[in-house]
Amino acid sequence: MPAVTRASRSSPPDPSSEDRSGLAPRAVELMELAVVSDELGTFTVPLEGPDADVPHELPEGAVVSIALTFRLGADTNGLVFETVRVGEGEEPVARRAALGSFRAGGPYEIRLPPERLPLGRAHCGMYDVTARMSDVAGVEHAQVKHRFTLVRRLPDAAIEAPEGHEAPDTAG
């Protein structure tokens, strides 16, 4: 599997939309992306730095939602957040959420509706996820790539560690 490369948190300015300051007025700064679960707690996905390529382990069948924190350089109509999740040997799964229209500024905090992760041994393994923020016109403003490993949940709610890894501490 090829290495995941990290894209910038906001896209480069579009010269046609620059003001006199040289900054793109529609730029979105994605400040934080976190995975939230009543069962597992909250963990922040590193957007850059040495931990950005380290995949988190999530148990099969867990219910999780994504929490976003972002700022806007200009008023934006029809902001959309889309994720595409690809597991080895599986068809891509896309989710798209309309966030709405926002005035320049922020930070804004949004928590998306929860989703259940795939369940079953056949779905366990590494997943690559690409998350994008775009507007109603289809202009992409931010993109983040990250990974997670779906691990088997044993009958007593313990998690089976993948080969070569220690099981996470679930005692809290």
C-alpha atoms as a PDB file:
ATOM      1  CA  MET A   1       0.000   0.000   0.000  1.00  0.00           C
ATOM      2  CA  PRO A   2       1.508   3.397  -0.939  1.00  0.00           C
ATOM      3  CA  ALA A   3       2.401   5.816   1.819  1.00  0.00           C
ATOM      4  CA  VAL A   4      -0.209   8.431   2.623  1.00  0.00           C
ATOM      5  CA  THR A   5       0.974  11.948   2.006  1.00  0.00           C
ATOM      6  CA  ARG A   6      -0.375  14.853   3.932  1.00  0.00           C
ATOM      7  CA  ALA A   7      -2.054  17.657   2.014  1.00  0.00           C
ATOM      8  CA  SER A   8      -2.079  21.187   3.329  1.00  0.00           C
ATOM      9  CA  ARG A   9      -4.872  22.169   5.666  1.00  0.00           C
ATOM     10  CA  SER A  10      -6.079  24.806   3.236  1.00  0.00           C
ATOM     11  CA  SER A  11      -5.752  24.978  -0.508  1.00  0.00           C
ATOM     12  CA  PRO A  12      -3.454  27.392  -2.275  1.00  0.00           C
ATOM     13  CA  PRO A  13      -4.970  30.750  -3.149  1.00  0.00           C
ATOM     14  CA  ASP A  14      -6.777  31.103  -6.441  1.00  0.00           C
ATOM     15  CA  PRO A  15      -5.275  34.212  -8.103  1.00  0.00           C
ATOM     16  CA  SER A  16      -8.649  35.148  -9.615  1.00  0.00           C
ATOM     17  CA  SER A  17     -10.173  35.478  -6.133  1.00  0.00           C
ATOM     18  CA  GLU A  18      -7.325  37.375  -4.423  1.00  0.00           C
ATOM     19  CA  ASP A  19      -7.809  40.761  -2.843  1.00  0.00           C
ATOM     20  CA  ARG A  20      -5.033  43.374  -2.547  1.00  0.00           C
ATOM     21  CA  SER A  21      -3.505  41.574   0.475  1.00  0.00           C
ATOM     22  CA  GLY A  22      -2.614  38.594  -1.753  1.00  0.00           C
ATOM     23  CA  LEU A  23      -4.722  36.205   0.369  1.00  0.00           C
ATOM     24  CA  ALA A  24      -7.558  34.117  -1.006  1.00  0.00           C
ATOM     25  CA  PRO A  25     -10.679  35.473   0.727  1.00  0.00           C
ATOM     26  CA  ARG A  26     -12.480  32.100   0.553  1.00  0.00           C
ATOM     27  CA  ALA A  27      -9.728  30.042   2.193  1.00  0.00           C
ATOM     28  CA  VAL A  28     -10.867  27.620   4.888  1.00  0.00           C
ATOM     29  CA  GLU A  29      -8.472  26.841   7.709  1.00  0.00           C
ATOM     30  CA  LEU A  30      -9.245  23.411   9.116  1.00  0.00           C
ATOM     31  CA  MET A  31      -8.021  23.773  12.688  1.00  0.00           C
ATOM     32  CA  GLU A  32      -9.008  20.403  14.167  1.00  0.00           C
ATOM     33  CA  LEU A  33     -10.566  17.110  13.111  1.00  0.00           C
ATOM     34  CA  ALA A  34     -11.521  14.707  15.896  1.00  0.00           C
ATOM     35  CA  VAL A  35     -13.221  11.306  16.080  1.00  0.00           C
ATOM     36  CA  VAL A  36     -15.834  11.217  18.853  1.00  0.00           C
ATOM     37  CA  SER A  37     -17.518   8.169  20.357  1.00  0.00           C
ATOM     38  CA  ASP A  38     -19.582   7.698  23.527  1.00  0.00           C
ATOM     39  CA  GLU A  39     -17.890   4.310  23.924  1.00  0.00           C
ATOM     40  CA  LEU A  40     -14.298   5.224  23.005  1.00  0.00           C
ATOM     41  CA  GLY A  41     -14.018   8.894  23.967  1.00  0.00           C
ATOM     42  CA  THR A  42     -12.506  11.569  21.729  1.00  0.00           C
ATOM     43  CA  PHE A  43      -9.221  11.607  19.892  1.00  0.00           C
ATOM     44  CA  THR A  44      -7.824  14.300  17.642  1.00  0.00           C
ATOM     45  CA  VAL A  45      -6.498  13.336  14.229  1.00  0.00           C
ATOM     46  CA  PRO A  46      -3.100  15.036  13.770  1.00  0.00           C
ATOM     47  CA  LEU A  47      -3.327  17.250  10.687  1.00  0.00           C
ATOM     48  CA  GLU A  48       0.446  17.525  10.261  1.00  0.00           C
ATOM     49  CA  GLY A  49       3.680  16.632  12.011  1.00  0.00           C
ATOM     50  CA  PRO A  50       5.345  13.313  12.890  1.00  0.00           C
ATOM     51  CA  ASP A  51       2.145  11.679  14.215  1.00  0.00           C
ATOM     52  CA  ALA A  52       0.082  12.551  11.133  1.00  0.00           C
ATOM     53  CA  ASP A  53       0.724   9.172   9.458  1.00  0.00           C
ATOM     54  CA  VAL A  54       0.161   7.042  12.580  1.00  0.00           C
ATOM     55  CA  PRO A  55      -3.167   5.197  12.197  1.00  0.00           C
ATOM     56  CA  HIS A  56      -5.565   5.024  15.146  1.00  0.00           C
ATOM     57  CA  GLU A  57      -7.063   1.675  16.084  1.00  0.00           C
ATOM     58  CA  LEU A  58     -10.856   1.530  16.173  1.00  0.00           C
ATOM     59  CA  PRO A  59     -12.964  -1.506  17.072  1.00  0.00           C
ATOM     60  CA  GLU A  60     -15.233  -3.003  14.424  1.00  0.00           C
ATOM     61  CA  GLY A  61     -18.836  -1.875  14.748  1.00  0.00           C
ATOM     62  CA  ALA A  62     -18.013   1.189  16.880  1.00  0.00           C
ATOM     63  CA  VAL A  63     -20.305   4.197  16.505  1.00  0.00           C
ATOM     64  CA  VAL A  64     -18.260   7.331  15.798  1.00  0.00           C
ATOM     65  CA  SER A  65     -18.827  10.873  14.598  1.00  0.00           C
ATOM     66  CA  ILE A  66     -16.461  13.489  13.256  1.00  0.00           C
ATOM     67  CA  ALA A  67     -16.034  16.853  14.980  1.00  0.00           C
ATOM     68  CA  LEU A  68     -14.613  19.733  12.924  1.00  0.00           C
ATOM     69  CA  THR A  69     -13.205  23.089  14.000  1.00  0.00           C
ATOM     70  CA  PHE A  70     -12.489  25.597  11.239  1.00  0.00           C
ATOM     71  CA  ARG A  71     -12.192  29.292  10.358  1.00  0.00           C
ATOM     72  CA  LEU A  72     -13.162  31.110   7.180  1.00  0.00           C
ATOM     73  CA  GLY A  73     -11.367  33.928   5.368  1.00  0.00           C
ATOM     74  CA  ALA A  74     -14.622  35.124   3.735  1.00  0.00           C
ATOM     75  CA  ASP A  75     -18.355  34.468   3.786  1.00  0.00           C
ATOM     76  CA  THR A  76     -18.942  31.036   2.269  1.00  0.00           C
ATOM     77  CA  ASN A  77     -22.199  29.643   0.892  1.00  0.00           C
ATOM     78  CA  GLY A  78     -22.968  25.936   0.949  1.00  0.00           C
ATOM     79  CA  LEU A  79     -19.921  24.522   2.728  1.00  0.00           C
ATOM     80  CA  VAL A  80     -19.767  20.719   2.349  1.00  0.00           C
ATOM     81  CA  PHE A  81     -17.644  18.132   4.193  1.00  0.00           C
ATOM     82  CA  GLU A  82     -16.989  14.861   2.378  1.00  0.00           C
ATOM     83  CA  THR A  83     -15.067  11.745   3.406  1.00  0.00           C
ATOM     84  CA  VAL A  84     -14.026   8.843   1.207  1.00  0.00           C
ATOM     85  CA  ARG A  85     -12.975   5.712   3.113  1.00  0.00           C
ATOM     86  CA  VAL A  86     -11.119   2.947   1.274  1.00  0.00           C
ATOM     87  CA  GLY A  87     -10.191  -0.409   2.793  1.00  0.00           C
ATOM     88  CA  GLU A  88      -7.993  -2.992   1.115  1.00  0.00           C
ATOM     89  CA  GLY A  89     -10.098  -5.037  -1.286  1.00  0.00           C
ATOM     90  CA  GLU A  90     -13.251  -2.976  -0.595  1.00  0.00           C
ATOM     91  CA  GLU A  91     -15.205  -0.478  -2.629  1.00  0.00           C
ATOM     92  CA  PRO A  92     -14.762   3.177  -1.533  1.00  0.00           C
ATOM     93  CA  VAL A  93     -17.414   4.469   0.881  1.00  0.00           C
ATOM     94  CA  ALA A  94     -18.248   8.169   0.552  1.00  0.00           C
ATOM     95  CA  ARG A  95     -20.157  10.334   3.028  1.00  0.00           C
ATOM     96  CA  ARG A  96     -21.163  13.876   2.284  1.00  0.00           C
ATOM     97  CA  ALA A  97     -22.573  16.348   4.818  1.00  0.00           C
ATOM     98  CA  ALA A  98     -23.874  19.812   3.985  1.00  0.00           C
ATOM     99  CA  LEU A  99     -22.584  22.122   6.721  1.00  0.00           C
ATOM    100  CA  GLY A 100     -24.364  25.287   5.610  1.00  0.00           C
ATOM    101  CA  SER A 101     -23.364  28.872   4.908  1.00  0.00           C
ATOM    102  CA  PHE A 102     -21.010  30.785   7.199  1.00  0.00           C
ATOM    103  CA  ARG A 103     -19.763  34.322   7.680  1.00  0.00           C
ATOM    104  CA  ALA A 104     -16.026  35.031   7.623  1.00  0.00           C
ATOM    105  CA  GLY A 105     -14.352  34.357  10.952  1.00  0.00           C
ATOM    106  CA  GLY A 106     -14.806  31.630  13.469  1.00  0.00           C
ATOM    107  CA  PRO A 107     -13.759  29.304  14.836  1.00  0.00           C
ATOM    108  CA  TYR A 108     -16.822  27.251  14.008  1.00  0.00           C
ATOM    109  CA  GLU A 109     -17.351  23.843  15.607  1.00  0.00           C
ATOM    110  CA  ILE A 110     -19.502  21.196  13.900  1.00  0.00           C
ATOM    111  CA  ARG A 111     -20.210  17.617  14.997  1.00  0.00           C
ATOM    112  CA  LEU A 112     -21.449  15.389  12.194  1.00  0.00           C
ATOM    113  CA  PRO A 113     -24.084  12.670  12.679  1.00  0.00           C
ATOM    114  CA  PRO A 114     -22.721   9.359  13.996  1.00  0.00           C
ATOM    115  CA  GLU A 115     -21.992   6.369  11.787  1.00  0.00           C
ATOM    116  CA  ARG A 116     -21.350   2.716  12.603  1.00  0.00           C
ATOM    117  CA  LEU A 117     -18.010   1.382  11.406  1.00  0.00           C
ATOM    118  CA  PRO A 118     -18.038  -1.899   9.471  1.00  0.00           C
ATOM    119  CA  LEU A 119     -18.581  -5.051  11.538  1.00  0.00           C
ATOM    120  CA  GLY A 120     -17.003  -8.453  10.904  1.00  0.00           C
ATOM    121  CA  ARG A 121     -13.570  -9.984  10.545  1.00  0.00           C
ATOM    122  CA  ALA A 122     -13.611  -9.448   6.769  1.00  0.00           C
ATOM    123  CA  HIS A 123     -13.673  -5.668   7.307  1.00  0.00           C
ATOM    124  CA  CYS A 124     -10.753  -5.546   9.766  1.00  0.00           C
ATOM    125  CA  GLY A 125      -7.561  -3.936   8.519  1.00  0.00           C
ATOM    126  CA  MET A 126      -6.171  -0.595   7.375  1.00  0.00           C
ATOM    127  CA  TYR A 127      -8.387   2.140   5.916  1.00  0.00           C
ATOM    128  CA  ASP A 128      -7.269   5.285   4.103  1.00  0.00           C
ATOM    129  CA  VAL A 129      -9.587   8.267   4.530  1.00  0.00           C
ATOM    130  CA  THR A 130      -9.594  11.477   2.505  1.00  0.00           C
ATOM    131  CA  ALA A 131     -11.594  14.338   4.020  1.00  0.00           C
ATOM    132  CA  ARG A 132     -12.419  17.434   1.950  1.00  0.00           C
ATOM    133  CA  MET A 133     -14.174  20.730   2.573  1.00  0.00           C
ATOM    134  CA  SER A 134     -15.631  22.406  -0.502  1.00  0.00           C
ATOM    135  CA  ASP A 135     -18.337  24.926  -1.307  1.00  0.00           C
ATOM    136  CA  VAL A 136     -21.545  24.648  -3.297  1.00  0.00           C
ATOM    137  CA  ALA A 137     -19.640  25.657  -6.460  1.00  0.00           C
ATOM    138  CA  GLY A 138     -17.358  22.635  -6.021  1.00  0.00           C
ATOM    139  CA  VAL A 139     -14.259  24.672  -5.067  1.00  0.00           C
ATOM    140  CA  GLU A 140     -12.135  22.590  -2.672  1.00  0.00           C
ATOM    141  CA  HIS A 141     -10.899  24.632   0.294  1.00  0.00           C
ATOM    142  CA  ALA A 142      -9.204  22.046   2.527  1.00  0.00           C
ATOM    143  CA  GLN A 143      -8.139  18.403   2.347  1.00  0.00           C
ATOM    144  CA  VAL A 144      -6.750  16.006   4.954  1.00  0.00           C
ATOM    145  CA  LYS A 145      -5.681  12.388   4.541  1.00  0.00           C
ATOM    146  CA  HIS A 146      -5.473  10.013   7.484  1.00  0.00           C
ATOM    147  CA  ARG A 147      -5.615   6.314   8.298  1.00  0.00           C
ATOM    148  CA  PHE A 148      -7.201   4.050  10.840  1.00  0.00           C
ATOM    149  CA  THR A 149      -7.014   0.350  11.550  1.00  0.00           C
ATOM    150  CA  LEU A 150     -10.252  -1.498  12.194  1.00  0.00           C
ATOM    151  CA  VAL A 151      -9.588  -4.219  14.781  1.00  0.00           C
ATOM    152  CA  ARG A 152     -11.679  -7.216  15.815  1.00  0.00           C
ATOM    153  CA  ARG A 153     -13.763  -6.858  18.952  1.00  0.00           C
ATOM    154  CA  LEU A 154     -13.812 -10.020  21.069  1.00  0.00           C
ATOM    155  CA  PRO A 155     -17.034 -11.252  22.756  1.00  0.00           C
ATOM    156  CA  ASP A 156     -16.083  -9.801  26.172  1.00  0.00           C
ATOM    157  CA  ALA A 157     -15.632  -6.330  24.532  1.00  0.00           C
ATOM    158  CA  ALA A 158     -11.829  -6.615  24.529  1.00  0.00           C
ATOM    159  CA  ILE A 159     -10.076  -5.703  21.319  1.00  0.00           C
ATOM    160  CA  GLU A 160      -7.901  -8.171  19.400  1.00  0.00           C
ATOM    161  CA  ALA A 161      -4.605  -6.530  18.502  1.00  0.00           C
ATOM    162  CA  PRO A 162      -3.307  -6.868  14.951  1.00  0.00           C
ATOM    163  CA  GLU A 163      -0.144  -8.959  14.605  1.00  0.00           C
ATOM    164  CA  GLY A 164       2.900  -7.150  15.996  1.00  0.00           C
ATOM    165  CA  HIS A 165       0.832  -4.646  18.042  1.00  0.00           C
ATOM    166  CA  GLU A 166      -0.185  -4.567  21.668  1.00  0.00           C
ATOM    167  CA  ALA A 167      -3.887  -4.403  22.479  1.00  0.00           C
ATOM    168  CA  PRO A 168      -5.079  -0.914  23.516  1.00  0.00           C
ATOM    169  CA  ASP A 169      -5.887  -0.377  27.182  1.00  0.00           C
ATOM    170  CA  THR A 170      -9.692  -0.351  27.364  1.00  0.00           C
ATOM    171  CA  ALA A 171      -9.875  -0.204  31.170  1.00  0.00           C
ATOM    172  CA  GLY A 172     -10.134   3.618  31.010  1.00  0.00           C
END
